[in-house]
PDB file of N, CA and C in Angstrom:
ATOM      1  N   MET A   1     -13.067   4.851  14.058  1.00  0.00           N
ATOM      2  CA  MET A   1     -12.684   4.358  13.201  1.00  0.00           C
ATOM      3  C   MET A   1     -12.502   3.478  12.867  1.00  0.00           C
ATOM      4  N   ILE A   2     -12.721   2.999  11.387  1.00  0.00           N
ATOM      5  CA  ILE A   2     -13.429   2.272  10.504  1.00  0.00           C
ATOM      6  C   ILE A   2     -12.032   0.877  10.354  1.00  0.00           C
ATOM      7  N   ASP A   3     -12.650   0.417   9.827  1.00  0.00           N
ATOM      8  CA  ASP A   3     -11.829  -1.290  10.134  1.00  0.00           C
ATOM      9  C   ASP A   3     -11.675  -1.171   9.221  1.00  0.00           C
ATOM     10  N   LEU A   4     -10.611  -2.445   9.455  1.00  0.00           N
ATOM     11  CA  LEU A   4      -9.514  -2.322   8.150  1.00  0.00           C
ATOM     12  C   LEU A   4     -10.335  -3.256   7.411  1.00  0.00           C
ATOM     13  N   ASP A   5     -11.702  -4.176   7.979  1.00  0.00           N
ATOM     14  CA  ASP A   5     -11.971  -5.613   6.747  1.00  0.00           C
ATOM     15  C   ASP A   5     -12.581  -4.532   6.072  1.00  0.00           C
ATOM     16  N   ALA A   6     -13.022  -3.427   6.461  1.00  0.00           N
ATOM     17  CA  ALA A   6     -14.216  -2.726   5.669  1.00  0.00           C
ATOM     18  C   ALA A   6     -13.792  -1.746   4.941  1.00  0.00           C
ATOM     19  N   ILE A   7     -12.070  -1.467   4.749  1.00  0.00           N
ATOM     20  CA  ILE A   7     -11.899  -0.729   4.028  1.00  0.00           C
ATOM     21  C   ILE A   7     -11.095  -1.619   3.318  1.00  0.00           C
ATOM     22  N   GLU A   8     -10.824  -2.526   3.160  1.00  0.00           N
ATOM     23  CA  GLU A   8      -9.834  -3.744   2.019  1.00  0.00           C
ATOM     24  C   GLU A   8     -11.504  -3.968   1.369  1.00  0.00           C
ATOM     25  N   ALA A   9     -12.477  -4.204   1.797  1.00  0.00           N
ATOM     26  CA  ALA A   9     -13.625  -4.789   0.905  1.00  0.00           C
ATOM     27  C   ALA A   9     -13.226  -2.999  -0.058  1.00  0.00           C
ATOM     28  N   VAL A  10     -14.017  -2.002   0.810  1.00  0.00           N
ATOM     29  CA  VAL A  10     -13.617  -0.576  -0.429  1.00  0.00           C
ATOM     30  C   VAL A  10     -12.516  -0.660  -1.284  1.00  0.00           C
ATOM     31  N   LEU A  11     -11.049  -0.975  -0.870  1.00  0.00           N
ATOM     32  CA  LEU A  11     -10.741  -1.489  -2.589  1.00  0.00           C
ATOM     33  C   LEU A  11     -11.114  -2.518  -3.573  1.00  0.00           C
ATOM     34  N   ARG A  12     -11.255  -3.711  -2.822  1.00  0.00           N
ATOM     35  CA  ARG A  12     -11.727  -4.855  -3.775  1.00  0.00           C
ATOM     36  C   ARG A  12     -12.526  -4.986  -4.682  1.00  0.00           C
ATOM     37  N   ASP A  13     -13.422  -3.404  -3.828  1.00  0.00           N
ATOM     38  CA  ASP A  13     -14.519  -3.245  -4.902  1.00  0.00           C
ATOM     39  C   ASP A  13     -14.185  -2.282  -5.628  1.00  0.00           C
ATOM     40  N   GLY A  14     -12.918  -1.989  -6.099  1.00  0.00           N
ATOM     41  CA  GLY A  14     -13.201  -0.768  -6.808  1.00  0.00           C
ATOM     42  C   GLY A  14     -12.396   0.118  -6.865  1.00  0.00           C
ATOM     43  N   ASP A  15     -12.972   0.567  -5.686  1.00  0.00           N
ATOM     44  CA  ASP A  15     -12.193   2.068  -5.058  1.00  0.00           C
ATOM     45  C   ASP A  15     -11.595   2.674  -4.824  1.00  0.00           C
ATOM     46  N   ALA A  16     -10.286   2.818  -5.976  1.00  0.00           N
ATOM     47  CA  ALA A  16      -8.950   3.241  -4.643  1.00  0.00           C
ATOM     48  C   ALA A  16      -8.419   3.973  -4.437  1.00  0.00           C
ATOM     49  N   ASP A  17      -9.431   5.540  -4.790  1.00  0.00           N
ATOM     50  CA  ASP A  17      -9.274   6.446  -4.273  1.00  0.00           C
ATOM     51  C   ASP A  17      -9.883   6.674  -2.847  1.00  0.00           C
ATOM     52  N   GLU A  18     -10.973   6.651  -2.558  1.00  0.00           N
ATOM     53  CA  GLU A  18     -12.135   6.285  -1.280  1.00  0.00           C
ATOM     54  C   GLU A  18     -10.674   5.137  -0.105  1.00  0.00           C
ATOM     55  N   ALA A  19     -10.430   4.341  -0.544  1.00  0.00           N
ATOM     56  CA  ALA A  19      -9.955   3.441   0.028  1.00  0.00           C
ATOM     57  C   ALA A  19      -8.586   3.737   0.692  1.00  0.00           C
ATOM     58  N   ILE A  20      -8.205   4.563  -0.387  1.00  0.00           N
ATOM     59  CA  ILE A  20      -6.751   5.880  -0.423  1.00  0.00           C
ATOM     60  C   ILE A  20      -7.181   6.442   1.097  1.00  0.00           C
ATOM     61  N   ARG A  21      -8.487   7.468   0.755  1.00  0.00           N
ATOM     62  CA  ARG A  21      -8.740   8.405   2.002  1.00  0.00           C
ATOM     63  C   ARG A  21      -8.910   7.867   3.360  1.00  0.00           C
ATOM     64  N   LEU A  22      -9.760   7.336   3.142  1.00  0.00           N
ATOM     65  CA  LEU A  22      -9.833   6.387   4.258  1.00  0.00           C
ATOM     66  C   LEU A  22      -8.685   5.640   5.016  1.00  0.00           C
ATOM     67  N   LEU A  23      -7.993   5.128   4.448  1.00  0.00           N
ATOM     68  CA  LEU A  23      -6.743   4.916   5.035  1.00  0.00           C
ATOM     69  C   LEU A  23      -5.546   5.471   5.358  1.00  0.00           C
ATOM     70  N   GLN A  24      -5.642   6.772   4.823  1.00  0.00           N
ATOM     71  CA  GLN A  24      -5.088   7.418   5.267  1.00  0.00           C
ATOM     72  C   GLN A  24      -5.455   8.222   6.816  1.00  0.00           C
ATOM     73  N   TYR A  25      -6.938   8.303   7.027  1.00  0.00           N
ATOM     74  CA  TYR A  25      -7.628   8.836   7.856  1.00  0.00           C
ATOM     75  C   TYR A  25      -7.232   8.019   9.110  1.00  0.00           C
ATOM     76  N   HIS A  26      -7.086   6.157   8.401  1.00  0.00           N
ATOM     77  CA  HIS A  26      -7.221   5.263   9.595  1.00  0.00           C
ATOM     78  C   HIS A  26      -5.478   5.654  10.100  1.00  0.00           C
ATOM     79  N   ILE A  27      -4.248   5.985   9.445  1.00  0.00           N
ATOM     80  CA  ILE A  27      -3.190   6.149   9.897  1.00  0.00           C
ATOM     81  C   ILE A  27      -2.594   6.974  10.891  1.00  0.00           C
ATOM     82  N   ASN A  28      -3.545   8.261  10.640  1.00  0.00           N
ATOM     83  CA  ASN A  28      -3.440   9.231  10.738  1.00  0.00           C
ATOM     84  C   ASN A  28      -4.330   9.635  12.529  1.00  0.00           C
ATOM     85  N   VAL A  29      -4.795   8.821  12.649  1.00  0.00           N
ATOM     86  CA  VAL A  29      -5.494   8.365  14.133  1.00  0.00           C
ATOM     87  C   VAL A  29      -5.050   7.896  14.664  1.00  0.00           C
ATOM     88  N   SER A  30      -4.426   6.281  14.981  1.00  0.00           N
ATOM     89  CA  SER A  30      -4.167   5.513  15.308  1.00  0.00           C
ATOM     90  C   SER A  30      -3.196   6.265  15.801  1.00  0.00           C
ATOM     91  N   LYS A  31      -2.591   5.239  16.785  1.00  0.00           N
ATOM     92  CA  LYS A  31      -1.676   5.623  18.029  1.00  0.00           C
ATOM     93  C   LYS A  31      -0.264   4.625  17.024  1.00  0.00           C
ATOM     94  N   ALA A  32      -0.341   3.961  16.920  1.00  0.00           N
ATOM     95  CA  ALA A  32       0.254   2.413  16.147  1.00  0.00           C
ATOM     96  C   ALA A  32      -0.227   1.713  15.103  1.00  0.00           C
ATOM     97  N   PRO A  33      -0.004   3.249  14.252  1.00  0.00           N
ATOM     98  CA  PRO A  33      -0.728   2.218  12.605  1.00  0.00           C
ATOM     99  C   PRO A  33      -0.096   0.910  12.748  1.00  0.00           C
ATOM    100  N   SER A  34      -0.708  -0.343  12.241  1.00  0.00           N
ATOM    101  CA  SER A  34      -0.405  -1.414  11.573  1.00  0.00           C
ATOM    102  C   SER A  34       0.374  -1.844  10.452  1.00  0.00           C
ATOM    103  N   ASP A  35       0.699  -2.911  10.280  1.00  0.00           N
ATOM    104  CA  ASP A  35       1.517  -3.151   8.804  1.00  0.00           C
ATOM    105  C   ASP A  35       0.588  -3.158   8.028  1.00  0.00           C
ATOM    106  N   ARG A  36      -0.520  -3.948   8.281  1.00  0.00           N
ATOM    107  CA  ARG A  36      -1.615  -4.191   7.239  1.00  0.00           C
ATOM    108  C   ARG A  36      -2.377  -2.451   7.419  1.00  0.00           C
ATOM    109  N   ALA A  37      -2.443  -2.315   7.269  1.00  0.00           N
ATOM    110  CA  ALA A  37      -2.829  -0.710   7.204  1.00  0.00           C
ATOM    111  C   ALA A  37      -2.002  -0.192   6.217  1.00  0.00           C
ATOM    112  N   TYR A  38      -0.387  -0.124   6.354  1.00  0.00           N
ATOM    113  CA  TYR A  38       0.401   0.266   5.104  1.00  0.00           C
ATOM    114  C   TYR A  38       0.295  -0.575   3.769  1.00  0.00           C
ATOM    115  N   TYR A  39       0.258  -2.159   4.365  1.00  0.00           N
ATOM    116  CA  TYR A  39       0.191  -2.529   2.967  1.00  0.00           C
ATOM    117  C   TYR A  39      -1.778  -2.363   2.259  1.00  0.00           C
ATOM    118  N   LEU A  40      -1.809  -2.583   2.854  1.00  0.00           N
ATOM    119  CA  LEU A  40      -3.486  -2.213   1.936  1.00  0.00           C
ATOM    120  C   LEU A  40      -3.420  -0.673   1.836  1.00  0.00           C
ATOM    121  N   LEU A  41      -3.042   0.399   1.838  1.00  0.00           N
ATOM    122  CA  LEU A  41      -2.669   1.896   1.214  1.00  0.00           C
ATOM    123  C   LEU A  41      -2.039   1.326   0.056  1.00  0.00           C
ATOM    124  N   GLY A  42      -0.632   0.933   0.352  1.00  0.00           N
ATOM    125  CA  GLY A  42       0.651   0.604  -1.133  1.00  0.00           C
ATOM    126  C   GLY A  42      -0.497  -0.263  -1.809  1.00  0.00           C
ATOM    127  N   ASN A  43      -1.773  -1.256  -2.152  1.00  0.00           N
ATOM    128  CA  ASN A  43      -2.106  -1.885  -2.690  1.00  0.00           C
ATOM    129  C   ASN A  43      -3.123  -0.899  -3.493  1.00  0.00           C
ATOM    130  N   ALA A  44      -3.536  -0.370  -2.992  1.00  0.00           N
ATOM    131  CA  ALA A  44      -4.365   0.885  -3.090  1.00  0.00           C
ATOM    132  C   ALA A  44      -3.973   1.812  -4.387  1.00  0.00           C
ATOM    133  N   PHE A  45      -2.484   2.148  -3.900  1.00  0.00           N
ATOM    134  CA  PHE A  45      -1.214   3.084  -4.721  1.00  0.00           C
ATOM    135  C   PHE A  45      -1.306   2.325  -5.826  1.00  0.00           C
ATOM    136  N   ARG A  46      -1.165   0.776  -5.770  1.00  0.00           N
ATOM    137  CA  ARG A  46      -1.040   0.150  -6.991  1.00  0.00           C
ATOM    138  C   ARG A  46      -1.502  -0.275  -7.787  1.00  0.00           C
ATOM    139  N   LYS A  47      -3.171  -0.046  -7.517  1.00  0.00           N
ATOM    140  CA  LYS A  47      -4.450  -0.017  -8.351  1.00  0.00           C
ATOM    141  C   LYS A  47      -4.726   1.121  -9.506  1.00  0.00           C
ATOM    142  N   LYS A  48      -4.170   2.201  -8.740  1.00  0.00           N
ATOM    143  CA  LYS A  48      -4.043   3.918  -9.323  1.00  0.00           C
ATOM    144  C   LYS A  48      -3.238   3.616 -10.535  1.00  0.00           C
ATOM    145  N   GLY A  49      -2.014   2.681 -10.395  1.00  0.00           N
ATOM    146  CA  GLY A  49      -0.566   2.568 -10.574  1.00  0.00           C
ATOM    147  C   GLY A  49       0.164   3.872 -10.729  1.00  0.00           C
ATOM    148  N   ASP A  50       0.062   4.255  -9.073  1.00  0.00           N
ATOM    149  CA  ASP A  50       1.357   4.692  -8.948  1.00  0.00           C
ATOM    150  C   ASP A  50       2.179   3.941  -7.765  1.00  0.00           C
ATOM    151  N   TRP A  51       3.088   3.619  -8.539  1.00  0.00           N
ATOM    152  CA  TRP A  51       4.472   2.613  -8.256  1.00  0.00           C
ATOM    153  C   TRP A  51       4.925   3.041  -6.933  1.00  0.00           C
ATOM    154  N   GLN A  52       5.214   4.430  -7.476  1.00  0.00           N
ATOM    155  CA  GLN A  52       5.768   4.443  -6.194  1.00  0.00           C
ATOM    156  C   GLN A  52       5.462   5.394  -4.863  1.00  0.00           C
ATOM    157  N   GLY A  53       4.616   5.323  -4.837  1.00  0.00           N
ATOM    158  CA  GLY A  53       3.842   5.256  -3.393  1.00  0.00           C
ATOM    159  C   GLY A  53       2.812   3.698  -3.121  1.00  0.00           C
ATOM    160  N   ALA A  54       3.030   2.782  -3.985  1.00  0.00           N
ATOM    161  CA  ALA A  54       2.871   1.553  -3.365  1.00  0.00           C
ATOM    162  C   ALA A  54       3.964   0.973  -3.086  1.00  0.00           C
ATOM    163  N   ILE A  55       5.178   1.033  -3.317  1.00  0.00           N
ATOM    164  CA  ILE A  55       6.030   1.178  -3.075  1.00  0.00           C
ATOM    165  C   ILE A  55       6.996   1.671  -1.783  1.00  0.00           C
ATOM    166  N   ASN A  56       6.378   2.869  -1.843  1.00  0.00           N
ATOM    167  CA  ASN A  56       6.588   3.417  -0.131  1.00  0.00           C
ATOM    168  C   ASN A  56       6.321   2.672   0.932  1.00  0.00           C
ATOM    169  N   ASN A  57       4.842   2.350   0.954  1.00  0.00           N
ATOM    170  CA  ASN A  57       3.703   1.858   1.689  1.00  0.00           C
ATOM    171  C   ASN A  57       3.961   1.055   2.440  1.00  0.00           C
ATOM    172  N   TYR A  58       4.921  -0.438   1.041  1.00  0.00           N
ATOM    173  CA  TYR A  58       5.323  -1.079   1.239  1.00  0.00           C
ATOM    174  C   TYR A  58       6.368  -0.633   1.985  1.00  0.00           C
ATOM    175  N   LEU A  59       7.194  -0.022   2.080  1.00  0.00           N
ATOM    176  CA  LEU A  59       8.264  -0.399   3.059  1.00  0.00           C
ATOM    177  C   LEU A  59       7.667   0.251   4.253  1.00  0.00           C
ATOM    178  N   GLU A  60       6.555   0.880   4.657  1.00  0.00           N
ATOM    179  CA  GLU A  60       6.926   1.322   5.585  1.00  0.00           C
ATOM    180  C   GLU A  60       5.439   0.110   6.528  1.00  0.00           C
ATOM    181  N   ALA A  61       5.175  -0.616   6.170  1.00  0.00           N
ATOM    182  CA  ALA A  61       4.329  -2.471   6.423  1.00  0.00           C
ATOM    183  C   ALA A  61       5.326  -2.775   6.805  1.00  0.00           C
ATOM    184  N   MET A  62       6.258  -2.748   5.867  1.00  0.00           N
ATOM    185  CA  MET A  62       7.711  -3.865   6.429  1.00  0.00           C
ATOM    186  C   MET A  62       8.617  -3.196   7.238  1.00  0.00           C
ATOM    187  N   ALA A  63       8.824  -1.974   7.694  1.00  0.00           N
ATOM    188  CA  ALA A  63       9.469  -1.465   8.756  1.00  0.00           C
ATOM    189  C   ALA A  63       9.332  -1.497  10.327  1.00  0.00           C
ATOM    190  N   ILE A  64       7.375  -1.840  10.015  1.00  0.00           N
ATOM    191  CA  ILE A  64       6.755  -2.104  11.623  1.00  0.00           C
ATOM    192  C   ILE A  64       6.932  -3.987  11.749  1.00  0.00           C
ATOM    193  N   ASN A  65       6.817  -4.832  10.475  1.00  0.00           N
ATOM    194  CA  ASN A  65       6.746  -5.959  10.372  1.00  0.00           C
ATOM    195  C   ASN A  65       7.330  -6.443   8.964  1.00  0.00           C
ATOM    196  N   PRO A  66       8.472  -6.875   9.349  1.00  0.00           N
ATOM    197  CA  PRO A  66       9.697  -7.410   8.541  1.00  0.00           C
ATOM    198  C   PRO A  66       8.939  -7.939   7.236  1.00  0.00           C
ATOM    199  N   GLU A  67       8.179  -9.462   8.210  1.00  0.00           N
ATOM    200  CA  GLU A  67       6.948 -10.591   7.508  1.00  0.00           C
ATOM    201  C   GLU A  67       6.061 -10.210   7.456  1.00  0.00           C
ATOM    202  N   SER A  68       5.841  -9.469   6.999  1.00  0.00           N
ATOM    203  CA  SER A  68       4.781  -8.401   6.381  1.00  0.00           C
ATOM    204  C   SER A  68       3.696  -9.277   5.069  1.00  0.00           C
ATOM    205  N   PRO A  69       3.018  -9.124   4.146  1.00  0.00           N
ATOM    206  CA  PRO A  69       2.369  -9.414   3.567  1.00  0.00           C
ATOM    207  C   PRO A  69       3.106  -8.444   1.967  1.00  0.00           C
ATOM    208  N   ALA A  70       3.589  -7.596   2.578  1.00  0.00           N
ATOM    209  CA  ALA A  70       4.315  -6.362   2.244  1.00  0.00           C
ATOM    210  C   ALA A  70       5.685  -6.748   1.307  1.00  0.00           C
ATOM    211  N   LYS A  71       5.997  -7.793   1.881  1.00  0.00           N
ATOM    212  CA  LYS A  71       7.683  -8.261   1.759  1.00  0.00           C
ATOM    213  C   LYS A  71       7.495  -8.640   0.294  1.00  0.00           C
ATOM    214  N   ASN A  72       6.394  -9.576   0.216  1.00  0.00           N
ATOM    215  CA  ASN A  72       6.001 -10.369  -1.017  1.00  0.00           C
ATOM    216  C   ASN A  72       5.618  -9.237  -2.182  1.00  0.00           C
ATOM    217  N   ALA A  73       4.415  -8.098  -1.772  1.00  0.00           N
ATOM    218  CA  ALA A  73       4.031  -7.016  -2.166  1.00  0.00           C
ATOM    219  C   ALA A  73       5.188  -6.470  -3.035  1.00  0.00           C
ATOM    220  N   TYR A  74       6.227  -5.886  -2.004  1.00  0.00           N
ATOM    221  CA  TYR A  74       7.439  -4.482  -2.741  1.00  0.00           C
ATOM    222  C   TYR A  74       8.338  -5.999  -3.618  1.00  0.00           C
ATOM    223  N   ALA A  75       8.437  -7.431  -3.490  1.00  0.00           N
ATOM    224  CA  ALA A  75       9.374  -8.147  -4.504  1.00  0.00           C
ATOM    225  C   ALA A  75       8.867  -7.863  -6.016  1.00  0.00           C
ATOM    226  N   ILE A  76       7.513  -8.521  -5.570  1.00  0.00           N
ATOM    227  CA  ILE A  76       6.778  -8.177  -7.113  1.00  0.00           C
ATOM    228  C   ILE A  76       6.790  -6.985  -7.576  1.00  0.00           C
ATOM    229  N   ALA A  77       6.852  -5.978  -7.204  1.00  0.00           N
ATOM    230  CA  ALA A  77       6.783  -4.204  -7.576  1.00  0.00           C
ATOM    231  C   ALA A  77       7.896  -4.432  -8.463  1.00  0.00           C
ATOM    232  N   ASN A  78       9.374  -4.281  -7.738  1.00  0.00           N
ATOM    233  CA  ASN A  78      10.503  -4.631  -7.935  1.00  0.00           C
ATOM    234  C   ASN A  78      10.545  -5.121  -9.033  1.00  0.00           C
ATOM    235  N   ASP A  79      10.535  -6.331  -9.234  1.00  0.00           N
ATOM    236  CA  ASP A  79       9.847  -7.007 -10.604  1.00  0.00           C
ATOM    237  C   ASP A  79       9.303  -6.571 -11.643  1.00  0.00           C
ATOM    238  N   ILE A  80       8.201  -6.260 -11.661  1.00  0.00           N
ATOM    239  CA  ILE A  80       7.488  -5.856 -12.577  1.00  0.00           C
ATOM    240  C   ILE A  80       7.965  -4.169 -12.833  1.00  0.00           C
ATOM    241  N   LEU A  81       8.376  -3.651 -12.064  1.00  0.00           N
ATOM    242  CA  LEU A  81       9.619  -2.372 -12.048  1.00  0.00           C
ATOM    243  C   LEU A  81      10.910  -2.310 -13.069  1.00  0.00           C
ATOM    244  N   ASP A  82      11.359  -3.269 -12.441  1.00  0.00           N
ATOM    245  CA  ASP A  82      12.216  -3.404 -13.608  1.00  0.00           C
ATOM    246  C   ASP A  82      12.518  -4.838 -15.009  1.00  0.00           C
ATOM    247  N   PHE A  83      11.052  -5.513 -15.062  1.00  0.00           N
ATOM    248  CA  PHE A  83      10.871  -5.016 -16.412  1.00  0.00           C
ATOM    249  C   PHE A  83       9.899  -4.170 -17.049  1.00  0.00           C
ATOM    250  N   TYR A  84       9.470  -3.394 -16.396  1.00  0.00           N
ATOM    251  CA  TYR A  84       8.662  -2.378 -17.325  1.00  0.00           C
ATOM    252  C   TYR A  84       9.700  -1.521 -17.547  1.00  0.00           C
ATOM    253  N   ASN A  85       9.779  -0.911 -16.346  1.00  0.00           N
ATOM    254  CA  ASN A  85      10.643   0.170 -16.794  1.00  0.00           C
ATOM    255  C   ASN A  85      11.831   0.902 -15.924  1.00  0.00           C
ATOM    256  N   LYS A  86      13.027   0.470 -16.274  1.00  0.00           N
ATOM    257  CA  LYS A  86      13.544   1.369 -15.335  1.00  0.00           C
ATOM    258  C   LYS A  86      13.702   2.589 -14.445  1.00  0.00           C
ATOM    259  N   ASP A  87      13.250   3.197 -14.998  1.00  0.00           N
ATOM    260  CA  ASP A  87      13.411   4.547 -15.401  1.00  0.00           C
ATOM    261  C   ASP A  87      12.222   4.959 -14.594  1.00  0.00           C
ATOM    262  N   MET A  88      11.557   4.515 -14.363  1.00  0.00           N
ATOM    263  CA  MET A  88      10.469   4.803 -13.109  1.00  0.00           C
ATOM    264  C   MET A  88      10.860   5.192 -11.614  1.00  0.00           C
ATOM    265  N   TYR A  89      11.961   4.086 -11.567  1.00  0.00           N
ATOM    266  CA  TYR A  89      12.772   5.239  -9.949  1.00  0.00           C
ATOM    267  C   TYR A  89      13.178   6.361 -10.388  1.00  0.00           C
ATOM    268  N   ASN A  90      13.382   6.865 -11.424  1.00  0.00           N
ATOM    269  CA  ASN A  90      14.183   8.451 -11.290  1.00  0.00           C
ATOM    270  C   ASN A  90      13.239   9.752 -12.137  1.00  0.00           C
ATOM    271  N   GLN A  91      12.054   9.566 -11.109  1.00  0.00           N
ATOM    272  CA  GLN A  91      11.205  10.083 -11.556  1.00  0.00           C
ATOM    273  C   GLN A  91      11.167  10.944  -9.929  1.00  0.00           C
TER     274      GLN A  91
END
């Protein structure tokens, strides 16, 4: 299985699609996926502009660990969406 640090490096290098593919594989094969995996997946979706995908994964991370960094990312995403487009939630 690919290490989350390596996947995070892929995401930092700008390949969100590859990071999503690797993270989804990581989550599917893990017996107990970590909140970090879902947090990174949320970040990858956010980089692609998929706010709903980002929020869904941040919520998954927070379900595993309520104090995950996803908590802050989720709050920021909601603030951005509230400012940007209130209809985004209705898609």
